[in-house]
Amino acid sequence: MNKIRITETGEVDVNSIESLSYDELKQWIKCRLLGKDIQIPDDFRQGDTPYYIISLLYPKFNRYVREDIHRIVLEFVRAMARNPDLIWKEEAGHQLLLLAQSVCSKEIISFLLEMADPPRFFVANAPSLAEDLHFRVLQTLVSLGHRSNQEFWAKQYRLAPERYAKVVFNGLELISLEQAIAPSIINLRVKTF
């Protein structure tokens, strides 16, 4: 693999990433999202997470590298949807979906819907939203502007009303503000509190 270089000022040399082959780029992104990147260490004092450096550099890359990254992330999300026992679960899945929010388009929505309904990654007693991969799938749908129907969002809400209320509201708001405050959703909220 070609070496990714860091400049004298501590910045990533964009040209060194652009010189990677497709397979090398794919391998680097995979290692990065899995938290195993030894070429560009995270700065945990700054709160950086593995996906962040890719999303930060993405606009600086030439069009061909951006297209390659888009294709790679799409491939990884498809693998996550079709093979949930593979590497894209837990923290790696979160990192992948956060990156997808930054670099992907609506092409991944069908894969997100495969994971959301039926809820492939839902854990009833997830300790926090940060550890709830199903929540991250829903958040990614909203981030990409997917307008699902009220029934879909009501179903997601019933899974974990306290945890999912905000993302469900945001999803319904994409349809229309009237959907977000519709009596049937309000009734769901009243019954659970």
C-alpha atoms as a PDB file:
ATOM      1  CA  MET A   1       0.000   0.000   0.000  1.00  0.00           C
ATOM      2  CA  ASN A   2       1.208   3.487  -0.784  1.00  0.00           C
ATOM      3  CA  LYS A   3       1.971   5.511   2.281  1.00  0.00           C
ATOM      4  CA  ILE A   4      -0.358   8.301   3.327  1.00  0.00           C
ATOM      5  CA  ARG A   5       1.772  11.277   4.233  1.00  0.00           C
ATOM      6  CA  ILE A   6       1.369  13.894   6.923  1.00  0.00           C
ATOM      7  CA  THR A   7       2.722  17.370   6.135  1.00  0.00           C
ATOM      8  CA  GLU A   8       5.164  19.294   8.320  1.00  0.00           C
ATOM      9  CA  THR A   9       2.224  21.238   9.743  1.00  0.00           C
ATOM     10  CA  GLY A  10       0.515  18.011  10.827  1.00  0.00           C
ATOM     11  CA  GLU A  11      -2.109  17.946   8.081  1.00  0.00           C
ATOM     12  CA  VAL A  12      -2.915  14.976   5.891  1.00  0.00           C
ATOM     13  CA  ASP A  13      -1.367  15.270   2.426  1.00  0.00           C
ATOM     14  CA  VAL A  14      -4.432  15.024   0.176  1.00  0.00           C
ATOM     15  CA  ASN A  15      -2.281  14.094  -2.831  1.00  0.00           C
ATOM     16  CA  SER A  16      -0.955  11.031  -1.026  1.00  0.00           C
ATOM     17  CA  ILE A  17      -4.505   9.727  -0.585  1.00  0.00           C
ATOM     18  CA  GLU A  18      -5.411  10.613  -4.171  1.00  0.00           C
ATOM     19  CA  SER A  19      -2.447   8.518  -5.346  1.00  0.00           C
ATOM     20  CA  LEU A  20      -3.854   5.362  -3.727  1.00  0.00           C
ATOM     21  CA  SER A  21      -5.315   2.721  -6.011  1.00  0.00           C
ATOM     22  CA  TYR A  22      -9.011   1.910  -5.607  1.00  0.00           C
ATOM     23  CA  ASP A  23      -8.182  -1.221  -3.588  1.00  0.00           C
ATOM     24  CA  GLU A  24      -5.722   0.683  -1.398  1.00  0.00           C
ATOM     25  CA  LEU A  25      -8.277   3.426  -0.797  1.00  0.00           C
ATOM     26  CA  LYS A  26     -10.895   0.817   0.077  1.00  0.00           C
ATOM     27  CA  GLN A  27      -8.518  -0.928   2.473  1.00  0.00           C
ATOM     28  CA  TRP A  28      -7.568   2.361   4.148  1.00  0.00           C
ATOM     29  CA  ILE A  29     -11.227   3.401   4.608  1.00  0.00           C
ATOM     30  CA  LYS A  30     -12.055  -0.023   6.029  1.00  0.00           C
ATOM     31  CA  CYS A  31      -9.140   0.126   8.478  1.00  0.00           C
ATOM     32  CA  ARG A  32     -10.064   3.684   9.384  1.00  0.00           C
ATOM     33  CA  LEU A  33     -13.701   2.842  10.157  1.00  0.00           C
ATOM     34  CA  LEU A  34     -12.684  -0.225  12.156  1.00  0.00           C
ATOM     35  CA  GLY A  35     -10.359   1.929  14.251  1.00  0.00           C
ATOM     36  CA  LYS A  36      -7.259   0.112  12.960  1.00  0.00           C
ATOM     37  CA  ASP A  37      -5.700   2.863  10.865  1.00  0.00           C
ATOM     38  CA  ILE A  38      -2.020   3.143  11.725  1.00  0.00           C
ATOM     39  CA  GLN A  39      -1.257   5.738   9.047  1.00  0.00           C
ATOM     40  CA  ILE A  40      -3.341   8.613  10.443  1.00  0.00           C
ATOM     41  CA  PRO A  41      -3.830   8.393  14.192  1.00  0.00           C
ATOM     42  CA  ASP A  42      -6.942   9.889  15.778  1.00  0.00           C
ATOM     43  CA  ASP A  43      -6.595  12.855  18.072  1.00  0.00           C
ATOM     44  CA  PHE A  44      -8.791  11.708  20.935  1.00  0.00           C
ATOM     45  CA  ARG A  45      -8.131  14.972  22.787  1.00  0.00           C
ATOM     46  CA  GLN A  46     -10.119  16.668  20.026  1.00  0.00           C
ATOM     47  CA  GLY A  47     -12.882  14.062  20.164  1.00  0.00           C
ATOM     48  CA  ASP A  48     -12.201  12.843  16.627  1.00  0.00           C
ATOM     49  CA  THR A  49     -13.800   9.568  15.678  1.00  0.00           C
ATOM     50  CA  PRO A  50     -12.523   7.300  12.884  1.00  0.00           C
ATOM     51  CA  TYR A  51     -14.941   8.477  10.173  1.00  0.00           C
ATOM     52  CA  TYR A  52     -14.327  12.169  10.828  1.00  0.00           C
ATOM     53  CA  ILE A  53     -11.020  12.608   8.982  1.00  0.00           C
ATOM     54  CA  ILE A  54     -12.481  11.022   5.834  1.00  0.00           C
ATOM     55  CA  SER A  55     -15.535  13.281   5.879  1.00  0.00           C
ATOM     56  CA  LEU A  56     -13.309  16.289   6.587  1.00  0.00           C
ATOM     57  CA  LEU A  57     -10.986  15.515   3.662  1.00  0.00           C
ATOM     58  CA  TYR A  58     -13.737  14.388   1.260  1.00  0.00           C
ATOM     59  CA  PRO A  59     -14.475  17.840  -0.249  1.00  0.00           C
ATOM     60  CA  LYS A  60     -10.758  18.388  -0.870  1.00  0.00           C
ATOM     61  CA  PHE A  61     -10.365  15.293  -3.040  1.00  0.00           C
ATOM     62  CA  ASN A  62     -10.636  15.393  -6.800  1.00  0.00           C
ATOM     63  CA  ARG A  63     -13.890  14.209  -8.352  1.00  0.00           C
ATOM     64  CA  TYR A  64     -12.568  10.727  -9.149  1.00  0.00           C
ATOM     65  CA  VAL A  65     -11.486  10.021  -5.581  1.00  0.00           C
ATOM     66  CA  ARG A  66     -14.809  11.345  -4.253  1.00  0.00           C
ATOM     67  CA  GLU A  67     -16.620   9.007  -6.656  1.00  0.00           C
ATOM     68  CA  ASP A  68     -14.449   6.098  -5.483  1.00  0.00           C
ATOM     69  CA  ILE A  69     -15.162   6.889  -1.819  1.00  0.00           C
ATOM     70  CA  HIS A  70     -18.863   7.124  -2.574  1.00  0.00           C
ATOM     71  CA  ARG A  71     -18.757   3.714  -4.314  1.00  0.00           C
ATOM     72  CA  ILE A  72     -16.762   2.153  -1.460  1.00  0.00           C
ATOM     73  CA  VAL A  73     -19.130   3.426   1.232  1.00  0.00           C
ATOM     74  CA  LEU A  74     -22.116   2.244  -0.821  1.00  0.00           C
ATOM     75  CA  GLU A  75     -20.515  -1.206  -1.069  1.00  0.00           C
ATOM     76  CA  PHE A  76     -19.855  -1.304   2.686  1.00  0.00           C
ATOM     77  CA  VAL A  77     -23.445  -0.242   3.529  1.00  0.00           C
ATOM     78  CA  ARG A  78     -24.778  -2.919   1.158  1.00  0.00           C
ATOM     79  CA  ALA A  79     -22.599  -5.499   2.944  1.00  0.00           C
ATOM     80  CA  MET A  80     -23.889  -4.252   6.289  1.00  0.00           C
ATOM     81  CA  ALA A  81     -27.490  -4.666   5.129  1.00  0.00           C
ATOM     82  CA  ARG A  82     -27.034  -8.061   3.513  1.00  0.00           C
ATOM     83  CA  ASN A  83     -24.527  -9.656   5.926  1.00  0.00           C
ATOM     84  CA  PRO A  84     -25.221  -8.312   9.420  1.00  0.00           C
ATOM     85  CA  ASP A  85     -22.821 -10.789  11.012  1.00  0.00           C
ATOM     86  CA  LEU A  86     -19.845  -9.271   9.227  1.00  0.00           C
ATOM     87  CA  ILE A  87     -17.643  -6.448  10.474  1.00  0.00           C
ATOM     88  CA  TRP A  88     -20.188  -3.648  10.069  1.00  0.00           C
ATOM     89  CA  LYS A  89     -21.843  -3.883  13.416  1.00  0.00           C
ATOM     90  CA  GLU A  90     -21.381  -2.179  16.745  1.00  0.00           C
ATOM     91  CA  GLU A  91     -18.896   0.734  16.609  1.00  0.00           C
ATOM     92  CA  ALA A  92     -17.736   0.028  13.045  1.00  0.00           C
ATOM     93  CA  GLY A  93     -21.357   0.208  11.870  1.00  0.00           C
ATOM     94  CA  HIS A  94     -21.807   3.563  13.587  1.00  0.00           C
ATOM     95  CA  GLN A  95     -18.668   4.913  11.938  1.00  0.00           C
ATOM     96  CA  LEU A  96     -19.773   3.654   8.525  1.00  0.00           C
ATOM     97  CA  LEU A  97     -23.231   5.214   8.806  1.00  0.00           C
ATOM     98  CA  LEU A  98     -21.817   8.521  10.043  1.00  0.00           C
ATOM     99  CA  LEU A  99     -19.514   8.577   7.022  1.00  0.00           C
ATOM    100  CA  ALA A 100     -22.432   7.653   4.751  1.00  0.00           C
ATOM    101  CA  GLN A 101     -24.308  10.704   6.034  1.00  0.00           C
ATOM    102  CA  SER A 102     -21.416  12.859   4.808  1.00  0.00           C
ATOM    103  CA  VAL A 103     -20.550  11.285   1.463  1.00  0.00           C
ATOM    104  CA  CYS A 104     -23.515   9.287   0.173  1.00  0.00           C
ATOM    105  CA  SER A 105     -26.682  10.105  -1.625  1.00  0.00           C
ATOM    106  CA  LYS A 106     -30.079   8.512  -1.744  1.00  0.00           C
ATOM    107  CA  GLU A 107     -28.634   5.393  -3.419  1.00  0.00           C
ATOM    108  CA  ILE A 108     -28.115   3.789  -0.018  1.00  0.00           C
ATOM    109  CA  ILE A 109     -31.674   4.311   1.198  1.00  0.00           C
ATOM    110  CA  SER A 110     -32.887   0.898   0.031  1.00  0.00           C
ATOM    111  CA  PHE A 111     -30.139  -0.728   2.126  1.00  0.00           C
ATOM    112  CA  LEU A 112     -30.988   1.433   5.142  1.00  0.00           C
ATOM    113  CA  LEU A 113     -34.631   0.422   4.826  1.00  0.00           C
ATOM    114  CA  GLU A 114     -33.586  -3.248   4.738  1.00  0.00           C
ATOM    115  CA  MET A 115     -31.887  -2.687   8.094  1.00  0.00           C
ATOM    116  CA  ALA A 116     -34.702  -0.582   9.590  1.00  0.00           C
ATOM    117  CA  ASP A 117     -37.748  -2.686   8.761  1.00  0.00           C
ATOM    118  CA  PRO A 118     -37.690  -5.275  10.151  1.00  0.00           C
ATOM    119  CA  PRO A 119     -35.282  -3.752  12.659  1.00  0.00           C
ATOM    120  CA  ARG A 120     -32.126  -5.770  12.168  1.00  0.00           C
ATOM    121  CA  PHE A 121     -29.964  -4.018  14.760  1.00  0.00           C
ATOM    122  CA  PHE A 122     -32.569  -3.032  17.345  1.00  0.00           C
ATOM    123  CA  VAL A 123     -31.646  -3.801  20.964  1.00  0.00           C
ATOM    124  CA  ALA A 124     -34.457  -3.105  23.423  1.00  0.00           C
ATOM    125  CA  ASN A 125     -32.178  -2.202  26.312  1.00  0.00           C
ATOM    126  CA  ALA A 126     -29.450  -0.305  24.457  1.00  0.00           C
ATOM    127  CA  PRO A 127     -27.746   1.811  27.119  1.00  0.00           C
ATOM    128  CA  SER A 128     -27.568   4.973  24.991  1.00  0.00           C
ATOM    129  CA  LEU A 129     -28.276   6.402  21.568  1.00  0.00           C
ATOM    130  CA  ALA A 130     -24.543   6.362  20.888  1.00  0.00           C
ATOM    131  CA  GLU A 131     -24.600   2.579  21.178  1.00  0.00           C
ATOM    132  CA  ASP A 132     -27.910   2.020  19.381  1.00  0.00           C
ATOM    133  CA  LEU A 133     -27.117   1.021  15.804  1.00  0.00           C
ATOM    134  CA  HIS A 134     -30.806   0.953  14.836  1.00  0.00           C
ATOM    135  CA  PHE A 135     -31.066   4.597  15.900  1.00  0.00           C
ATOM    136  CA  ARG A 136     -28.062   5.395  13.677  1.00  0.00           C
ATOM    137  CA  VAL A 137     -29.822   3.740  10.707  1.00  0.00           C
ATOM    138  CA  LEU A 138     -32.904   5.913  11.329  1.00  0.00           C
ATOM    139  CA  GLN A 139     -30.749   9.004  11.777  1.00  0.00           C
ATOM    140  CA  THR A 140     -29.036   8.290   8.450  1.00  0.00           C
ATOM    141  CA  LEU A 141     -32.405   7.999   6.696  1.00  0.00           C
ATOM    142  CA  VAL A 142     -33.371  11.412   8.076  1.00  0.00           C
ATOM    143  CA  SER A 143     -29.965  12.890   7.260  1.00  0.00           C
ATOM    144  CA  LEU A 144     -30.341  11.822   3.634  1.00  0.00           C
ATOM    145  CA  GLY A 145     -33.827  13.365   3.485  1.00  0.00           C
ATOM    146  CA  HIS A 146     -35.741  10.108   3.022  1.00  0.00           C
ATOM    147  CA  ARG A 147     -39.490  10.675   3.187  1.00  0.00           C
ATOM    148  CA  SER A 148     -40.986   7.474   4.438  1.00  0.00           C
ATOM    149  CA  ASN A 149     -44.646   7.235   5.372  1.00  0.00           C
ATOM    150  CA  GLN A 150     -46.259   7.874   8.745  1.00  0.00           C
ATOM    151  CA  GLU A 151     -46.805   4.167   9.343  1.00  0.00           C
ATOM    152  CA  PHE A 152     -43.058   3.471   9.017  1.00  0.00           C
ATOM    153  CA  TRP A 153     -42.169   6.170  11.558  1.00  0.00           C
ATOM    154  CA  ALA A 154     -44.937   5.162  13.971  1.00  0.00           C
ATOM    155  CA  LYS A 155     -43.582   1.606  13.881  1.00  0.00           C
ATOM    156  CA  GLN A 156     -40.081   2.884  14.672  1.00  0.00           C
ATOM    157  CA  TYR A 157     -41.439   5.023  17.492  1.00  0.00           C
ATOM    158  CA  ARG A 158     -43.188   2.052  19.120  1.00  0.00           C
ATOM    159  CA  LEU A 159     -39.871   0.169  19.300  1.00  0.00           C
ATOM    160  CA  ALA A 160     -38.412   2.619  21.835  1.00  0.00           C
ATOM    161  CA  PRO A 161     -40.542   5.734  22.384  1.00  0.00           C
ATOM    162  CA  GLU A 162     -38.170   7.524  24.728  1.00  0.00           C
ATOM    163  CA  ARG A 163     -35.096   6.915  22.579  1.00  0.00           C
ATOM    164  CA  TYR A 164     -36.627   7.419  19.142  1.00  0.00           C
ATOM    165  CA  ALA A 165     -39.083  10.297  19.675  1.00  0.00           C
ATOM    166  CA  LYS A 166     -36.795  12.976  18.231  1.00  0.00           C
ATOM    167  CA  VAL A 167     -35.617  11.036  15.171  1.00  0.00           C
ATOM    168  CA  VAL A 168     -39.209   9.939  14.455  1.00  0.00           C
ATOM    169  CA  PHE A 169     -40.378  13.544  14.717  1.00  0.00           C
ATOM    170  CA  ASN A 170     -37.589  14.579  12.319  1.00  0.00           C
ATOM    171  CA  GLY A 171     -38.584  11.798   9.910  1.00  0.00           C
ATOM    172  CA  LEU A 172     -42.234  12.821   9.998  1.00  0.00           C
ATOM    173  CA  GLU A 173     -41.271  16.459   9.574  1.00  0.00           C
ATOM    174  CA  LEU A 174     -39.616  15.536   6.266  1.00  0.00           C
ATOM    175  CA  ILE A 175     -43.038  14.433   5.036  1.00  0.00           C
ATOM    176  CA  SER A 176     -44.756  17.553   6.396  1.00  0.00           C
ATOM    177  CA  LEU A 177     -45.085  19.434   9.635  1.00  0.00           C
ATOM    178  CA  GLU A 178     -48.706  18.264   9.807  1.00  0.00           C
ATOM    179  CA  GLN A 179     -47.482  14.653   9.797  1.00  0.00           C
ATOM    180  CA  ALA A 180     -45.082  15.378  12.640  1.00  0.00           C
ATOM    181  CA  ILE A 181     -47.843  16.725  14.857  1.00  0.00           C
ATOM    182  CA  ALA A 182     -50.645  14.467  13.631  1.00  0.00           C
ATOM    183  CA  PRO A 183     -53.058  13.299  16.356  1.00  0.00           C
ATOM    184  CA  SER A 184     -52.180   9.615  15.896  1.00  0.00           C
ATOM    185  CA  ILE A 185     -48.512  10.302  16.698  1.00  0.00           C
ATOM    186  CA  ILE A 186     -49.443  12.589  19.603  1.00  0.00           C
ATOM    187  CA  ASN A 187     -51.664   9.808  20.961  1.00  0.00           C
ATOM    188  CA  LEU A 188     -48.733   7.415  20.761  1.00  0.00           C
ATOM    189  CA  ARG A 189     -46.646   9.841  22.813  1.00  0.00           C
ATOM    190  CA  VAL A 190     -49.348  10.351  25.455  1.00  0.00           C
ATOM    191  CA  LYS A 191     -49.855   6.604  25.935  1.00  0.00           C
ATOM    192  CA  THR A 192     -46.161   5.933  26.569  1.00  0.00           C
ATOM    193  CA  PHE A 193     -45.426   8.651  29.112  1.00  0.00           C
END
